[in-house]
Amino acid sequence: VALVAALKDLEEDIMEGLRETGMEDSACTLGFSVMIKECCDGMGDISEKHGGGPAVPEKAVRFSFTVMSVSIQAEDDNEEITIFTEPKPNSELSCKPLCLVFVDESDHETLTGVLGPIVAERNAMKESRLILSLGGMPRSFRFHFRGTGYDEKMVREMEGLEASGSTYIC
């Protein structure tokens, strides 16, 4: 649902990209590729020093994504044509929050339990297509996910030193 909403938010930009590249709008219904940057990072101390609500952990982890680009496969050749590129990929405005968990980022069990279904959904989407009406026509989208927005400390905590690209001596 979040990816559908993000694409619908970009509908004007995607349609403008089709027009700018000279592609026939009515002929472009298949072959859309969407590059998604995933981000997961601890937010540090978020405790409030006032109020009398229920006790919650004083740290949080945010899982979010950014639509980095949308491209389409040209029908006459194997070239992919980019019709949308996020102009400010590191901006908070382009980053769509998907999940906010009140937990310390070092709490592996809780993070795995909460983020597990999101990872499973992402893996299922890698092997399928989304048909979405944009510009008044159904269009087929395939998603590609890149986890380039992960905090290195969190990757080490979750996956071990090897996963983060760190160099270490045993």
C-alpha atoms as a PDB file:
ATOM      1  CA  VAL A   1       0.000   0.000   0.000  1.00  0.00           C
ATOM      2  CA  ALA A   2       2.833   2.414   0.840  1.00  0.00           C
ATOM      3  CA  LEU A   3       4.532   1.881  -2.533  1.00  0.00           C
ATOM      4  CA  VAL A   4       1.224   2.368  -4.364  1.00  0.00           C
ATOM      5  CA  ALA A   5       0.666   5.646  -2.502  1.00  0.00           C
ATOM      6  CA  ALA A   6       4.219   6.779  -3.311  1.00  0.00           C
ATOM      7  CA  LEU A   7       3.749   6.035  -7.021  1.00  0.00           C
ATOM      8  CA  LYS A   8       0.374   7.792  -7.072  1.00  0.00           C
ATOM      9  CA  ASP A   9       2.085  10.827  -5.485  1.00  0.00           C
ATOM     10  CA  LEU A  10       4.566  10.747  -8.390  1.00  0.00           C
ATOM     11  CA  GLU A  11       1.912  10.241 -11.090  1.00  0.00           C
ATOM     12  CA  GLU A  12       2.341  13.718 -12.618  1.00  0.00           C
ATOM     13  CA  ASP A  13       6.140  13.387 -12.651  1.00  0.00           C
ATOM     14  CA  ILE A  14       5.970   9.934 -14.275  1.00  0.00           C
ATOM     15  CA  MET A  15       3.520  11.089 -16.960  1.00  0.00           C
ATOM     16  CA  GLU A  16       5.645  14.193 -17.602  1.00  0.00           C
ATOM     17  CA  GLY A  17       8.703  11.946 -17.970  1.00  0.00           C
ATOM     18  CA  LEU A  18       6.907   9.866 -20.597  1.00  0.00           C
ATOM     19  CA  ARG A  19       6.001  13.016 -22.546  1.00  0.00           C
ATOM     20  CA  GLU A  20       9.527  14.462 -22.296  1.00  0.00           C
ATOM     21  CA  THR A  21      11.108  11.291 -23.677  1.00  0.00           C
ATOM     22  CA  GLY A  22       8.651  11.262 -26.575  1.00  0.00           C
ATOM     23  CA  MET A  23       7.202   7.899 -25.664  1.00  0.00           C
ATOM     24  CA  GLU A  24       3.638   7.226 -26.749  1.00  0.00           C
ATOM     25  CA  ASP A  25       1.602   7.385 -23.550  1.00  0.00           C
ATOM     26  CA  SER A  26      -0.976   4.794 -24.628  1.00  0.00           C
ATOM     27  CA  ALA A  27       1.730   2.340 -25.731  1.00  0.00           C
ATOM     28  CA  CYS A  28       3.611   2.489 -22.412  1.00  0.00           C
ATOM     29  CA  THR A  29       1.790   0.072 -20.164  1.00  0.00           C
ATOM     30  CA  LEU A  30       4.426  -2.635 -19.583  1.00  0.00           C
ATOM     31  CA  GLY A  31       8.037  -2.660 -18.497  1.00  0.00           C
ATOM     32  CA  PHE A  32       8.131  -0.012 -15.767  1.00  0.00           C
ATOM     33  CA  SER A  33      10.942  -0.489 -13.233  1.00  0.00           C
ATOM     34  CA  VAL A  34      11.014   1.283  -9.888  1.00  0.00           C
ATOM     35  CA  MET A  35      14.241   1.601  -7.887  1.00  0.00           C
ATOM     36  CA  ILE A  36      13.592   1.828  -4.148  1.00  0.00           C
ATOM     37  CA  LYS A  37      16.186   2.836  -1.555  1.00  0.00           C
ATOM     38  CA  GLU A  38      15.442   1.316   1.839  1.00  0.00           C
ATOM     39  CA  CYS A  39      16.573   2.987   5.026  1.00  0.00           C
ATOM     40  CA  CYS A  40      16.636   1.705   8.567  1.00  0.00           C
ATOM     41  CA  ASP A  41      18.277   3.697  11.295  1.00  0.00           C
ATOM     42  CA  GLY A  42      18.127   4.240  15.014  1.00  0.00           C
ATOM     43  CA  MET A  43      16.741   7.619  16.032  1.00  0.00           C
ATOM     44  CA  GLY A  44      18.583   7.841  19.347  1.00  0.00           C
ATOM     45  CA  ASP A  45      17.000   9.195  22.505  1.00  0.00           C
ATOM     46  CA  ILE A  46      13.400  10.224  21.831  1.00  0.00           C
ATOM     47  CA  SER A  47      12.193  10.334  25.420  1.00  0.00           C
ATOM     48  CA  GLU A  48       9.965  13.159  26.513  1.00  0.00           C
ATOM     49  CA  LYS A  49      10.747  14.666  29.864  1.00  0.00           C
ATOM     50  CA  HIS A  50       7.120  15.516  30.594  1.00  0.00           C
ATOM     51  CA  GLY A  51       3.728  13.828  30.550  1.00  0.00           C
ATOM     52  CA  GLY A  52       2.337  10.904  32.453  1.00  0.00           C
ATOM     53  CA  GLY A  53       1.577   8.399  29.692  1.00  0.00           C
ATOM     54  CA  PRO A  54       2.623   4.756  29.594  1.00  0.00           C
ATOM     55  CA  ALA A  55       6.311   3.971  29.788  1.00  0.00           C
ATOM     56  CA  VAL A  56       7.868   3.345  26.380  1.00  0.00           C
ATOM     57  CA  PRO A  57      11.475   2.656  25.442  1.00  0.00           C
ATOM     58  CA  GLU A  58      13.485   5.836  25.115  1.00  0.00           C
ATOM     59  CA  LYS A  59      14.905   4.887  21.724  1.00  0.00           C
ATOM     60  CA  ALA A  60      13.310   4.242  18.357  1.00  0.00           C
ATOM     61  CA  VAL A  61      14.144   2.744  14.974  1.00  0.00           C
ATOM     62  CA  ARG A  62      12.658   4.080  11.746  1.00  0.00           C
ATOM     63  CA  PHE A  63      12.271   1.976   8.600  1.00  0.00           C
ATOM     64  CA  SER A  64      11.571   4.072   5.507  1.00  0.00           C
ATOM     65  CA  PHE A  65      11.983   4.108   1.749  1.00  0.00           C
ATOM     66  CA  THR A  66      12.605   6.535  -1.105  1.00  0.00           C
ATOM     67  CA  VAL A  67      11.526   6.100  -4.735  1.00  0.00           C
ATOM     68  CA  MET A  68      14.879   6.803  -6.389  1.00  0.00           C
ATOM     69  CA  SER A  69      13.895   6.374 -10.040  1.00  0.00           C
ATOM     70  CA  VAL A  70      11.280   5.067 -12.439  1.00  0.00           C
ATOM     71  CA  SER A  71      12.339   3.782 -15.836  1.00  0.00           C
ATOM     72  CA  ILE A  72      10.689   2.016 -18.746  1.00  0.00           C
ATOM     73  CA  GLN A  73      11.951  -0.591 -21.172  1.00  0.00           C
ATOM     74  CA  ALA A  74      11.825   0.771 -24.724  1.00  0.00           C
ATOM     75  CA  GLU A  75       9.832  -1.579 -26.948  1.00  0.00           C
ATOM     76  CA  ASP A  76      12.121  -1.372 -29.979  1.00  0.00           C
ATOM     77  CA  ASP A  77      15.385  -2.108 -28.140  1.00  0.00           C
ATOM     78  CA  ASN A  78      16.727  -3.362 -24.835  1.00  0.00           C
ATOM     79  CA  GLU A  79      17.515   0.099 -23.514  1.00  0.00           C
ATOM     80  CA  GLU A  80      15.923   1.315 -20.293  1.00  0.00           C
ATOM     81  CA  ILE A  81      14.876   4.961 -20.333  1.00  0.00           C
ATOM     82  CA  THR A  82      14.675   6.781 -17.003  1.00  0.00           C
ATOM     83  CA  ILE A  83      11.512   8.882 -16.834  1.00  0.00           C
ATOM     84  CA  PHE A  84      11.787   9.984 -13.203  1.00  0.00           C
ATOM     85  CA  THR A  85      14.765  10.532 -10.899  1.00  0.00           C
ATOM     86  CA  GLU A  86      14.351  11.767  -7.333  1.00  0.00           C
ATOM     87  CA  PRO A  87      15.983  15.229  -7.336  1.00  0.00           C
ATOM     88  CA  LYS A  88      16.752  15.182  -3.596  1.00  0.00           C
ATOM     89  CA  PRO A  89      17.313  11.523  -2.661  1.00  0.00           C
ATOM     90  CA  ASN A  90      18.662  12.260   0.819  1.00  0.00           C
ATOM     91  CA  SER A  91      15.950  14.732   1.763  1.00  0.00           C
ATOM     92  CA  GLU A  92      13.520  13.967   4.572  1.00  0.00           C
ATOM     93  CA  LEU A  93      10.774  15.143   2.205  1.00  0.00           C
ATOM     94  CA  SER A  94      11.427  12.332  -0.290  1.00  0.00           C
ATOM     95  CA  CYS A  95      11.841   9.677   2.423  1.00  0.00           C
ATOM     96  CA  LYS A  96       8.557   7.877   3.187  1.00  0.00           C
ATOM     97  CA  PRO A  97       8.366   6.422   6.717  1.00  0.00           C
ATOM     98  CA  LEU A  98       7.003   2.895   6.729  1.00  0.00           C
ATOM     99  CA  CYS A  99       7.476   1.785  10.316  1.00  0.00           C
ATOM    100  CA  LEU A 100       8.484   3.442  13.585  1.00  0.00           C
ATOM    101  CA  VAL A 101       9.437   1.023  16.348  1.00  0.00           C
ATOM    102  CA  PHE A 102      10.008   2.124  19.934  1.00  0.00           C
ATOM    103  CA  VAL A 103      13.011  -0.088  20.581  1.00  0.00           C
ATOM    104  CA  ASP A 104      16.766   0.168  20.976  1.00  0.00           C
ATOM    105  CA  GLU A 105      18.459  -0.645  17.662  1.00  0.00           C
ATOM    106  CA  SER A 106      20.592  -3.261  19.435  1.00  0.00           C
ATOM    107  CA  ASP A 107      17.455  -5.276  20.386  1.00  0.00           C
ATOM    108  CA  HIS A 108      17.863  -7.846  17.614  1.00  0.00           C
ATOM    109  CA  GLU A 109      14.908 -10.049  18.618  1.00  0.00           C
ATOM    110  CA  THR A 110      12.337  -7.251  18.667  1.00  0.00           C
ATOM    111  CA  LEU A 111      13.603  -5.725  15.423  1.00  0.00           C
ATOM    112  CA  THR A 112      13.527  -9.099  13.695  1.00  0.00           C
ATOM    113  CA  GLY A 113       9.984  -9.720  14.918  1.00  0.00           C
ATOM    114  CA  VAL A 114       8.690  -6.333  13.800  1.00  0.00           C
ATOM    115  CA  LEU A 115      10.633  -5.923  10.557  1.00  0.00           C
ATOM    116  CA  GLY A 116      10.376  -9.594   9.520  1.00  0.00           C
ATOM    117  CA  PRO A 117       6.981  -9.190   7.801  1.00  0.00           C
ATOM    118  CA  ILE A 118       8.222  -6.093   5.943  1.00  0.00           C
ATOM    119  CA  VAL A 119      11.227  -8.047   4.657  1.00  0.00           C
ATOM    120  CA  ALA A 120       8.961 -10.952   3.625  1.00  0.00           C
ATOM    121  CA  GLU A 121       6.656  -8.577   1.735  1.00  0.00           C
ATOM    122  CA  ARG A 122       9.636  -6.981  -0.005  1.00  0.00           C
ATOM    123  CA  ASN A 123      10.973 -10.375  -1.057  1.00  0.00           C
ATOM    124  CA  ALA A 124       7.566 -11.341  -2.480  1.00  0.00           C
ATOM    125  CA  MET A 125       7.420  -8.065  -4.421  1.00  0.00           C
ATOM    126  CA  LYS A 126      10.792  -8.750  -6.050  1.00  0.00           C
ATOM    127  CA  GLU A 127       9.221 -11.705  -7.862  1.00  0.00           C
ATOM    128  CA  SER A 128       5.927 -10.087  -8.853  1.00  0.00           C
ATOM    129  CA  ARG A 129       4.499  -7.108 -10.697  1.00  0.00           C
ATOM    130  CA  LEU A 130       2.139  -4.384  -9.563  1.00  0.00           C
ATOM    131  CA  ILE A 131      -0.585  -3.234 -11.951  1.00  0.00           C
ATOM    132  CA  LEU A 132      -1.529   0.341 -11.122  1.00  0.00           C
ATOM    133  CA  SER A 133      -3.646   2.885 -12.974  1.00  0.00           C
ATOM    134  CA  LEU A 134      -1.546   5.945 -13.843  1.00  0.00           C
ATOM    135  CA  GLY A 135      -2.687   8.517 -16.364  1.00  0.00           C
ATOM    136  CA  GLY A 136      -5.971   6.653 -16.779  1.00  0.00           C
ATOM    137  CA  MET A 137      -4.356   3.400 -17.959  1.00  0.00           C
ATOM    138  CA  PRO A 138      -3.252   0.246 -16.148  1.00  0.00           C
ATOM    139  CA  ARG A 139       0.538   0.044 -16.036  1.00  0.00           C
ATOM    140  CA  SER A 140       2.793  -2.793 -14.896  1.00  0.00           C
ATOM    141  CA  PHE A 141       5.571  -2.041 -12.397  1.00  0.00           C
ATOM    142  CA  ARG A 142       8.457  -4.171 -11.171  1.00  0.00           C
ATOM    143  CA  PHE A 143      10.320  -3.145  -8.012  1.00  0.00           C
ATOM    144  CA  HIS A 144      14.046  -3.304  -7.303  1.00  0.00           C
ATOM    145  CA  PHE A 145      15.177  -2.717  -3.729  1.00  0.00           C
ATOM    146  CA  ARG A 146      18.529  -1.359  -2.594  1.00  0.00           C
ATOM    147  CA  GLY A 147      19.354  -1.247   1.099  1.00  0.00           C
ATOM    148  CA  THR A 148      21.758   1.657   0.796  1.00  0.00           C
ATOM    149  CA  GLY A 149      20.249   3.645   3.639  1.00  0.00           C
ATOM    150  CA  TYR A 150      21.086   1.237   6.428  1.00  0.00           C
ATOM    151  CA  ASP A 151      23.075   2.429   9.393  1.00  0.00           C
ATOM    152  CA  GLU A 152      26.418   0.568   9.455  1.00  0.00           C
ATOM    153  CA  LYS A 153      26.243   0.023  13.212  1.00  0.00           C
ATOM    154  CA  MET A 154      22.821  -1.574  12.809  1.00  0.00           C
ATOM    155  CA  VAL A 155      24.016  -3.839   9.981  1.00  0.00           C
ATOM    156  CA  ARG A 156      26.927  -5.037  12.151  1.00  0.00           C
ATOM    157  CA  GLU A 157      24.544  -5.648  15.047  1.00  0.00           C
ATOM    158  CA  MET A 158      22.065  -7.610  12.917  1.00  0.00           C
ATOM    159  CA  GLU A 159      24.321  -9.426  10.443  1.00  0.00           C
ATOM    160  CA  GLY A 160      27.814  -9.467  11.897  1.00  0.00           C
ATOM    161  CA  LEU A 161      30.975  -7.631  10.896  1.00  0.00           C
ATOM    162  CA  GLU A 162      31.202  -9.261   7.470  1.00  0.00           C
ATOM    163  CA  ALA A 163      27.889  -7.789   6.316  1.00  0.00           C
ATOM    164  CA  SER A 164      28.837  -4.168   6.880  1.00  0.00           C
ATOM    165  CA  GLY A 165      31.997  -4.211   4.807  1.00  0.00           C
ATOM    166  CA  SER A 166      34.128  -3.679   7.891  1.00  0.00           C
ATOM    167  CA  THR A 167      37.664  -4.992   7.971  1.00  0.00           C
ATOM    168  CA  TYR A 168      38.579  -6.909  11.088  1.00  0.00           C
ATOM    169  CA  ILE A 169      41.194  -9.351  12.375  1.00  0.00           C
ATOM    170  CA  CYS A 170      40.185 -12.602  14.042  1.00  0.00           C
END
